[in-house]
Amino acid sequence: MKPKKTRLKLLHQYYSYTGFYKFVWESVKKALPYIIILVIALFVINKYFDLNEKLTHLTEILPIYGVLIFFFISEMILGLIPPEIFIAWSGKTENPWLYLAILAVLSYFGGLISYWIGVAITKIPRIHKYLETKMEKQLKNSKKWGGFLILVGALLPLPFSISCMAAGIINFPFKGVVLYGSLRFIRFLIYGLLIFSVV
């Protein structure tokens, strides 16, 4: 008798047969030049302006509601400002866990709004036509594995907003975004535990 395959092996086999690994690799290859350009641009800007210091200073001079509004807008539109800066800020408040919870909720709902921004983008006739004709295959694969896209954005240090916006563009089911996006709260909890121990 052949040994029974483990669940992990079966999952690996499924991803191999369905072309998931190839899809991820092709997506990374296409995105890599833009990621490199963005990283270089941020590095150069940070070298001359020290963005982290300026953002940290901003959280010190703004009132609490101002920091929360600024964070919400950031998480709703691309989310390029690291949440860690705001988590560190919450650790210096009188109620760190309360404000950490508020930040997590704002980040989560900012991502959900980003999803609908992505949906709205596809309503632009030129973009809609391009997606339907030039990216039909990519869209089909993206819809199949869209949950993985949201999961990565929710848990890893990548912009959650961009993941949600991409999900809206590929018309991934909103209830899936709501479900997978809820993992965002776990990330904030873990980062809070780590950052609060050093601030």
Protein backbone atom coordinates (compact mmCIF):
# COMPACT_ATOMS: atom_id res chain seq x y z
CA MET A 1 0.00 0.00 0.00
CA LYS A 2 1.15 3.50 -0.79
CA PRO A 3 1.64 5.71 2.27
CA LYS A 4 -1.20 8.16 2.75
CA LYS A 5 -0.28 11.69 1.73
CA THR A 6 -0.29 14.31 4.43
CA ARG A 7 -2.58 17.31 4.22
CA LEU A 8 0.42 19.54 3.49
CA LYS A 9 1.51 17.35 0.58
CA LEU A 10 -2.02 17.30 -0.82
CA LEU A 11 -2.17 21.09 -0.56
CA HIS A 12 1.20 21.39 -2.30
CA GLN A 13 -0.03 19.02 -5.03
CA TYR A 14 -3.20 21.06 -5.52
CA TYR A 15 -1.26 24.34 -5.82
CA SER A 16 1.15 22.72 -8.28
CA TYR A 17 -1.63 21.34 -10.50
CA THR A 18 -3.68 24.54 -10.49
CA GLY A 19 -0.69 26.74 -11.34
CA PHE A 20 -0.73 28.72 -8.08
CA TYR A 21 3.06 28.78 -7.71
CA LYS A 22 3.52 29.88 -11.30
CA PHE A 23 0.88 32.59 -10.80
CA VAL A 24 2.63 33.93 -7.67
CA TRP A 25 6.04 33.87 -9.39
CA GLU A 26 4.73 35.66 -12.50
CA SER A 27 2.97 38.25 -10.32
CA VAL A 28 6.15 38.86 -8.29
CA LYS A 29 8.22 39.24 -11.48
CA LYS A 30 5.80 41.81 -12.87
CA ALA A 31 5.58 43.75 -9.61
CA LEU A 32 9.30 43.57 -8.74
CA PRO A 33 10.48 46.54 -10.88
CA TYR A 34 7.82 48.80 -9.35
CA ILE A 35 8.62 47.58 -5.83
CA ILE A 36 12.34 48.23 -6.38
CA ILE A 37 11.65 51.74 -7.71
CA LEU A 38 9.36 52.49 -4.75
CA VAL A 39 11.90 51.19 -2.21
CA ILE A 40 14.72 53.21 -3.80
CA ALA A 41 12.54 56.34 -3.87
CA LEU A 42 11.58 55.90 -0.21
CA PHE A 43 15.23 55.26 0.71
CA VAL A 44 16.40 58.43 -1.06
CA ILE A 45 13.60 60.55 0.44
CA ASN A 46 14.23 59.10 3.89
CA LYS A 47 17.96 59.79 3.60
CA TYR A 48 17.41 63.51 3.15
CA PHE A 49 14.20 64.04 5.12
CA ASP A 50 14.13 61.18 7.71
CA LEU A 51 10.47 60.30 7.20
CA ASN A 52 10.23 58.16 10.33
CA GLU A 53 11.43 61.03 12.52
CA LYS A 54 9.04 63.48 10.88
CA LEU A 55 6.10 61.07 11.17
CA THR A 56 6.97 60.37 14.81
CA HIS A 57 7.14 64.13 15.42
CA LEU A 58 3.75 64.49 13.73
CA THR A 59 2.19 62.04 16.20
CA GLU A 60 3.65 64.13 19.03
CA ILE A 61 2.24 67.49 17.91
CA LEU A 62 -1.19 66.35 16.70
CA PRO A 63 -4.06 65.86 19.17
CA ILE A 64 -5.21 62.27 19.64
CA TYR A 65 -8.14 62.61 17.24
CA GLY A 66 -5.77 64.17 14.66
CA VAL A 67 -3.42 61.17 14.84
CA LEU A 68 -6.34 58.75 14.49
CA ILE A 69 -7.79 60.63 11.49
CA PHE A 70 -4.35 60.80 9.83
CA PHE A 71 -3.84 57.06 10.39
CA PHE A 72 -7.30 56.20 9.03
CA ILE A 73 -6.71 58.22 5.85
CA SER A 74 -3.32 56.53 5.42
CA GLU A 75 -4.84 53.05 5.84
CA MET A 76 -7.64 53.89 3.43
CA ILE A 77 -5.41 55.30 0.66
CA LEU A 78 -2.54 52.90 -0.18
CA GLY A 79 -1.41 52.49 3.46
CA LEU A 80 2.25 53.27 2.76
CA ILE A 81 2.91 54.74 6.23
CA PRO A 82 4.06 51.91 8.55
CA PRO A 83 1.40 51.18 11.23
CA GLU A 84 4.27 50.46 13.66
CA ILE A 85 4.80 54.22 14.08
CA PHE A 86 1.22 54.62 15.26
CA ILE A 87 1.37 51.49 17.41
CA ALA A 88 4.45 52.95 19.13
CA TRP A 89 2.49 56.19 19.61
CA SER A 90 -0.39 54.30 21.24
CA GLY A 91 2.11 52.70 23.62
CA LYS A 92 2.93 56.15 24.99
CA THR A 93 -0.69 57.09 25.69
CA GLU A 94 -2.47 56.69 29.02
CA ASN A 95 -4.56 53.80 27.62
CA PRO A 96 -2.24 51.99 25.18
CA TRP A 97 -4.42 48.92 24.64
CA LEU A 98 -7.52 51.03 24.05
CA TYR A 99 -5.82 53.09 21.37
CA LEU A 100 -4.21 49.99 19.88
CA ALA A 101 -7.70 48.51 19.53
CA ILE A 102 -8.95 51.72 17.91
CA LEU A 103 -6.00 51.68 15.47
CA ALA A 104 -6.75 48.04 14.57
CA VAL A 105 -10.42 48.85 13.90
CA LEU A 106 -9.50 51.90 11.81
CA SER A 107 -6.97 49.85 9.82
CA TYR A 108 -9.53 47.10 9.21
CA PHE A 109 -12.28 49.46 8.03
CA GLY A 110 -9.76 51.50 6.05
CA GLY A 111 -8.99 48.30 4.14
CA LEU A 112 -12.68 47.60 3.55
CA ILE A 113 -13.15 51.09 2.12
CA SER A 114 -10.07 50.51 -0.08
CA TYR A 115 -11.87 47.46 -1.47
CA TRP A 116 -14.74 49.64 -2.68
CA ILE A 117 -12.26 52.16 -4.10
CA GLY A 118 -10.88 49.25 -6.13
CA VAL A 119 -14.39 48.35 -7.27
CA ALA A 120 -14.99 51.99 -8.29
CA ILE A 121 -11.75 52.02 -10.30
CA THR A 122 -13.05 49.15 -12.45
CA LYS A 123 -16.09 51.28 -13.34
CA ILE A 124 -13.83 53.60 -15.35
CA PRO A 125 -14.58 52.48 -18.96
CA ARG A 126 -10.96 52.37 -20.16
CA ILE A 127 -9.77 50.37 -17.16
CA HIS A 128 -12.76 48.04 -17.34
CA LYS A 129 -12.05 47.31 -21.01
CA TYR A 130 -8.36 46.69 -20.29
CA LEU A 131 -9.14 44.26 -17.47
CA GLU A 132 -11.68 42.37 -19.55
CA THR A 133 -9.48 42.03 -22.65
CA LYS A 134 -5.81 42.14 -21.62
CA MET A 135 -5.92 40.58 -18.15
CA GLU A 136 -8.68 38.00 -18.39
CA LYS A 137 -6.41 35.07 -17.42
CA GLN A 138 -4.73 36.96 -14.55
CA LEU A 139 -8.12 38.02 -13.20
CA LYS A 140 -9.40 34.45 -13.27
CA ASN A 141 -6.41 33.23 -11.24
CA SER A 142 -6.56 36.22 -8.91
CA LYS A 143 -10.20 35.54 -8.08
CA LYS A 144 -9.31 31.91 -7.34
CA TRP A 145 -6.55 32.86 -4.88
CA GLY A 146 -7.75 36.26 -3.75
CA GLY A 147 -8.04 35.05 -0.16
CA PHE A 148 -4.28 34.47 -0.10
CA LEU A 149 -3.76 38.05 -1.30
CA ILE A 150 -5.86 39.46 1.57
CA LEU A 151 -4.25 37.15 4.12
CA VAL A 152 -0.75 38.33 3.14
CA GLY A 153 -1.80 41.98 3.33
CA ALA A 154 -3.47 41.49 6.72
CA LEU A 155 -0.64 39.65 8.47
CA LEU A 156 2.63 40.63 6.79
CA PRO A 157 4.34 44.05 6.71
CA LEU A 158 2.80 44.89 3.34
CA PRO A 159 0.19 47.61 2.70
CA PHE A 160 -3.18 46.11 3.68
CA SER A 161 -4.95 48.85 1.74
CA ILE A 162 -3.28 47.86 -1.53
CA SER A 163 -4.26 44.20 -1.03
CA CYS A 164 -7.89 45.19 -0.41
CA MET A 165 -7.93 47.60 -3.33
CA ALA A 166 -6.55 44.86 -5.60
CA ALA A 167 -9.29 42.53 -4.32
CA GLY A 168 -11.87 45.13 -5.32
CA ILE A 169 -10.33 45.47 -8.78
CA ILE A 170 -10.44 41.70 -9.39
CA ASN A 171 -14.00 41.58 -7.99
CA PHE A 172 -13.10 39.18 -5.19
CA PRO A 173 -16.19 38.53 -2.98
CA PHE A 174 -16.53 41.22 -0.31
CA LYS A 175 -17.47 38.69 2.38
CA GLY A 176 -14.09 37.04 1.75
CA VAL A 177 -12.34 40.37 2.33
CA VAL A 178 -14.32 40.84 5.55
CA LEU A 179 -13.34 37.35 6.75
CA TYR A 180 -9.66 37.21 5.74
CA GLY A 181 -9.16 40.87 6.57
CA SER A 182 -10.15 40.22 10.19
CA LEU A 183 -6.70 38.64 10.62
CA ARG A 184 -5.50 42.24 10.68
CA PHE A 185 -6.46 42.33 14.37
CA ILE A 186 -4.01 39.50 15.10
CA ARG A 187 -1.19 41.47 13.52
CA PHE A 188 -1.94 44.52 15.67
CA LEU A 189 -2.08 42.35 18.78
CA ILE A 190 1.30 40.75 18.04
CA TYR A 191 2.93 44.06 17.13
CA GLY A 192 1.43 45.67 20.22
CA LEU A 193 2.91 43.00 22.47
CA LEU A 194 6.32 43.45 20.85
CA ILE A 195 6.39 47.24 20.61
CA PHE A 196 4.85 47.98 24.03
CA SER A 197 7.67 46.00 25.65
CA VAL A 198 10.27 48.42 24.28
CA VAL A 199 8.55 51.84 24.23
